[in-house]
Amino acid sequence: FTVSKWTGDNKYKDVAIKHAITTMKNHFRADYSCYHVIDYDTITGQVLKKNTHQGLAHESAWARGQAWAVYGYTACFRETNDSIFLNFAKDIANMIMDRVKTEDAIPYWDYDAPVTKETPRDVSAASVTASAMIELSTMVPDGQKYLDYAEKILKSLSSDAYLAKVGDNQGFILMHSVGSLPNGSEIDTPLNYADYYYLEALKRFMELKKLKVENGEL
């Protein structure tokens, strides 16, 4: 979408729309949760495998994958004004709000992961979700429920449980993300995209609420 704006050539936008529609068809289950990776035959386009490499199992709902889904289809509606993408984003958002059972709305690394005291959360998934739902809230008549959910996430992320003290956490803002638990990579660690989407969500929230920071205070 952005490259089409930069170049004035709609072929890039057309590819993005086709990709989004193909993904709607093949990545998603009946409950609007999604797979991580679809393996296509490069000649026929036939789906060969549906996998979830960074989640608990191929049929599980990997938390960050669900976050990317609501973020992506919200962006697709923004760029196309096609209601098919808006309705899909709403269905994914509703699924997320239904599936995430934690009191603070910060999901475990996979929605289907067995919950113990050691089960890690994924604040990167929470950050992406919050940013998406703030934008989504401005697009629909019943948007307040999405804004309320995003605000709950932001309050949780901004608490001592997830927000690092200045100078700690290797210089990152948020603690407790998960990259790829099945591969033993980046488990309960800071991630740059957790911080990025947290800041984007805060910016969107402040602009929506017309909030400003003066002398370090809202």
Protein backbone atom coordinates (compact mmCIF):
# COMPACT_ATOMS: atom_id res chain seq x y z
CA PHE A 1 0.00 0.00 0.00
CA THR A 2 2.75 2.43 0.95
CA VAL A 3 4.87 1.72 -2.12
CA SER A 4 1.86 2.41 -4.34
CA LYS A 5 1.51 5.80 -2.67
CA TRP A 6 5.20 6.51 -3.12
CA THR A 7 5.30 5.49 -6.77
CA GLY A 8 1.77 6.26 -7.94
CA ASP A 9 1.63 2.72 -9.33
CA ASN A 10 -1.39 0.72 -8.16
CA LYS A 11 0.16 -2.65 -9.04
CA TYR A 12 1.66 -2.88 -5.57
CA LYS A 13 -1.68 -2.14 -3.93
CA ASP A 14 -3.31 -4.75 -6.16
CA VAL A 15 -0.80 -7.35 -4.97
CA ALA A 16 -1.48 -6.43 -1.34
CA ILE A 17 -5.24 -6.78 -1.81
CA LYS A 18 -4.88 -10.12 -3.58
CA HIS A 19 -2.56 -11.33 -0.83
CA ALA A 20 -5.06 -10.25 1.84
CA ILE A 21 -7.96 -12.02 0.13
CA THR A 22 -5.94 -15.21 -0.40
CA THR A 23 -4.92 -15.12 3.25
CA MET A 24 -8.54 -14.71 4.35
CA LYS A 25 -9.41 -17.82 2.36
CA ASN A 26 -6.60 -20.09 3.51
CA HIS A 27 -5.08 -18.92 6.80
CA PHE A 28 -8.18 -18.77 8.97
CA ARG A 29 -10.28 -21.31 10.82
CA ALA A 30 -14.03 -21.14 11.35
CA ASP A 31 -13.58 -19.27 14.65
CA TYR A 32 -11.33 -16.62 12.97
CA SER A 33 -8.16 -17.84 14.64
CA CYS A 34 -5.34 -18.33 12.17
CA TYR A 35 -2.45 -20.53 11.19
CA HIS A 36 1.07 -19.14 11.13
CA VAL A 37 2.43 -20.40 7.79
CA ILE A 38 0.65 -21.74 4.72
CA ASP A 39 2.73 -23.78 2.27
CA TYR A 40 1.50 -23.23 -1.30
CA ASP A 41 2.39 -25.10 -4.46
CA THR A 42 4.25 -22.43 -6.41
CA ILE A 43 2.78 -23.59 -9.74
CA THR A 44 -0.87 -24.37 -8.97
CA GLY A 45 -1.37 -22.27 -5.84
CA GLN A 46 -2.81 -25.30 -4.07
CA VAL A 47 -2.46 -25.35 -0.30
CA LEU A 48 -0.02 -28.11 0.66
CA LYS A 49 0.32 -27.59 4.43
CA LYS A 50 -1.10 -25.40 7.20
CA ASN A 51 1.42 -24.93 9.99
CA THR A 52 2.02 -22.88 13.13
CA HIS A 53 5.79 -22.99 13.59
CA GLN A 54 6.09 -20.50 16.45
CA GLY A 55 3.00 -21.70 18.32
CA LEU A 56 2.18 -24.65 20.51
CA ALA A 57 0.90 -26.85 17.68
CA HIS A 58 -0.21 -26.51 14.07
CA GLU A 59 -3.87 -26.21 15.13
CA SER A 60 -3.25 -23.85 18.06
CA ALA A 61 -3.72 -20.07 18.13
CA TRP A 62 -0.27 -18.52 18.41
CA ALA A 63 -0.82 -15.21 20.21
CA ARG A 64 1.22 -12.89 18.02
CA GLY A 65 -0.24 -14.42 14.88
CA GLN A 66 -3.72 -13.46 16.03
CA ALA A 67 -2.47 -9.95 16.78
CA TRP A 68 -0.95 -9.56 13.31
CA ALA A 69 -4.27 -10.69 11.85
CA VAL A 70 -6.41 -8.00 13.46
CA TYR A 71 -3.72 -5.40 12.78
CA GLY A 72 -3.38 -6.39 9.13
CA TYR A 73 -7.06 -6.42 8.24
CA THR A 74 -7.69 -3.16 10.06
CA ALA A 75 -4.93 -1.65 7.90
CA CYS A 76 -6.44 -3.23 4.78
CA PHE A 77 -9.73 -1.46 5.44
CA ARG A 78 -7.93 1.81 6.07
CA GLU A 79 -6.20 1.56 2.71
CA THR A 80 -9.09 0.22 0.61
CA ASN A 81 -12.32 1.25 2.37
CA ASP A 82 -13.60 -2.23 1.46
CA SER A 83 -16.01 -3.44 4.13
CA ILE A 84 -14.99 -7.08 3.61
CA PHE A 85 -11.73 -6.27 5.40
CA LEU A 86 -13.44 -4.27 8.15
CA ASN A 87 -15.87 -7.08 8.91
CA PHE A 88 -13.01 -9.57 8.97
CA ALA A 89 -11.00 -7.39 11.35
CA LYS A 90 -14.01 -7.16 13.67
CA ASP A 91 -14.46 -10.93 13.66
CA ILE A 92 -10.80 -11.44 14.55
CA ALA A 93 -10.97 -8.77 17.27
CA ASN A 94 -14.05 -10.39 18.78
CA MET A 95 -12.29 -13.76 18.73
CA ILE A 96 -9.29 -12.29 20.56
CA MET A 97 -11.44 -10.71 23.25
CA ASP A 98 -13.26 -14.01 23.70
CA ARG A 99 -10.17 -16.23 23.73
CA VAL A 100 -7.80 -14.22 25.95
CA LYS A 101 -8.85 -15.16 29.48
CA THR A 102 -6.12 -13.45 31.52
CA GLU A 103 -7.30 -10.82 34.00
CA ASP A 104 -4.95 -8.18 32.63
CA ALA A 105 -5.64 -8.98 28.92
CA ILE A 106 -1.97 -9.82 28.27
CA PRO A 107 -2.13 -13.18 26.48
CA TYR A 108 -0.06 -16.24 27.09
CA TRP A 109 2.34 -16.92 24.23
CA ASP A 110 -0.25 -19.24 22.66
CA TYR A 111 -3.98 -19.15 23.40
CA ASP A 112 -4.00 -22.94 23.68
CA ALA A 113 -0.89 -23.30 25.85
CA PRO A 114 -1.39 -25.17 29.15
CA VAL A 115 -1.45 -22.53 31.88
CA THR A 116 0.98 -22.90 34.77
CA LYS A 117 2.97 -20.42 36.83
CA GLU A 118 5.77 -20.83 34.29
CA THR A 119 3.71 -20.24 31.13
CA PRO A 120 5.13 -17.07 29.56
CA ARG A 121 3.06 -14.12 28.44
CA ASP A 122 3.72 -12.32 25.17
CA VAL A 123 3.55 -8.55 25.54
CA SER A 124 4.47 -8.13 21.87
CA ALA A 125 1.14 -9.74 20.94
CA ALA A 126 -0.61 -7.45 23.41
CA SER A 127 1.06 -4.33 21.99
CA VAL A 128 0.14 -5.17 18.39
CA THR A 129 -3.43 -5.97 19.44
CA ALA A 130 -3.82 -2.74 21.39
CA SER A 131 -2.60 -0.59 18.51
CA ALA A 132 -4.90 -2.36 16.05
CA MET A 133 -7.97 -2.12 18.25
CA ILE A 134 -7.49 1.58 18.87
CA GLU A 135 -7.57 2.17 15.13
CA LEU A 136 -10.44 -0.29 14.66
CA SER A 137 -12.46 1.54 17.31
CA THR A 138 -12.57 4.63 15.07
CA MET A 139 -14.02 2.69 12.13
CA VAL A 140 -17.19 1.12 13.55
CA PRO A 141 -20.28 2.33 15.44
CA ASP A 142 -19.64 -0.06 18.34
CA GLY A 143 -15.98 0.90 18.50
CA GLN A 144 -16.01 1.76 22.21
CA LYS A 145 -15.65 -1.92 23.17
CA TYR A 146 -12.46 -2.17 21.14
CA LEU A 147 -11.12 1.06 22.60
CA ASP A 148 -11.93 -0.11 26.13
CA TYR A 149 -10.12 -3.39 25.51
CA ALA A 150 -7.08 -1.59 24.08
CA GLU A 151 -7.03 0.78 27.05
CA LYS A 152 -7.07 -2.19 29.42
CA ILE A 153 -4.07 -3.65 27.61
CA LEU A 154 -2.21 -0.34 27.71
CA LYS A 155 -2.82 0.05 31.44
CA SER A 156 -1.48 -3.45 32.01
CA LEU A 157 1.58 -2.87 29.83
CA SER A 158 2.23 0.39 31.65
CA SER A 159 2.20 -1.31 35.06
CA ASP A 160 5.22 -2.52 37.01
CA ALA A 161 4.46 -6.08 35.86
CA TYR A 162 5.52 -5.32 32.26
CA LEU A 163 7.07 -1.84 32.11
CA ALA A 164 10.81 -1.91 32.79
CA LYS A 165 12.54 0.64 34.96
CA VAL A 166 14.68 3.14 33.10
CA GLY A 167 18.15 1.71 32.53
CA ASP A 168 17.09 -1.90 33.09
CA ASN A 169 15.89 -4.56 30.64
CA GLN A 170 18.80 -3.98 28.23
CA GLY A 171 17.35 -0.59 27.42
CA PHE A 172 14.01 -1.94 26.18
CA ILE A 173 10.70 -0.52 27.41
CA LEU A 174 8.65 -3.68 27.92
CA MET A 175 9.49 -6.98 29.58
CA HIS A 176 8.11 -10.49 28.97
CA SER A 177 7.81 -11.13 25.25
CA VAL A 178 8.22 -14.44 23.43
CA GLY A 179 9.83 -14.87 20.03
CA SER A 180 9.66 -18.57 19.24
CA LEU A 181 9.22 -20.84 22.24
CA PRO A 182 9.17 -24.13 20.26
CA ASN A 183 12.59 -23.23 18.83
CA GLY A 184 13.97 -22.11 22.19
CA SER A 185 14.44 -18.57 20.88
CA GLU A 186 13.67 -15.30 22.70
CA ILE A 187 11.66 -16.67 25.60
CA ASP A 188 10.52 -14.20 28.27
CA THR A 189 12.67 -11.45 26.86
CA PRO A 190 12.33 -7.91 25.50
CA LEU A 191 11.59 -7.57 21.77
CA ASN A 192 11.90 -4.43 19.68
CA TYR A 193 8.51 -4.86 18.02
CA ALA A 194 6.82 -5.07 21.41
CA ASP A 195 8.22 -1.63 22.18
CA TYR A 196 7.40 -0.27 18.70
CA TYR A 197 3.72 -1.19 18.76
CA TYR A 198 3.38 -0.15 22.40
CA LEU A 199 4.59 3.33 21.45
CA GLU A 200 2.35 3.36 18.37
CA ALA A 201 -0.62 2.34 20.51
CA LEU A 202 0.15 5.07 23.06
CA LYS A 203 0.45 7.64 20.28
CA ARG A 204 -2.86 6.57 18.73
CA PHE A 205 -4.59 6.59 22.10
CA MET A 206 -3.28 10.03 23.00
CA GLU A 207 -4.29 11.48 19.64
CA LEU A 208 -7.75 9.96 19.92
CA LYS A 209 -8.21 11.32 23.44
CA LYS A 210 -6.49 14.62 22.56
CA LEU A 211 -3.96 14.11 25.33
CA LYS A 212 -0.61 15.91 25.48
CA VAL A 213 2.51 15.48 27.56
CA GLU A 214 3.76 18.58 29.34
CA ASN A 215 6.68 18.52 31.74
CA GLY A 216 6.61 14.74 31.72
CA GLU A 217 2.91 14.53 32.68
CA LEU A 218 -0.25 13.95 30.68
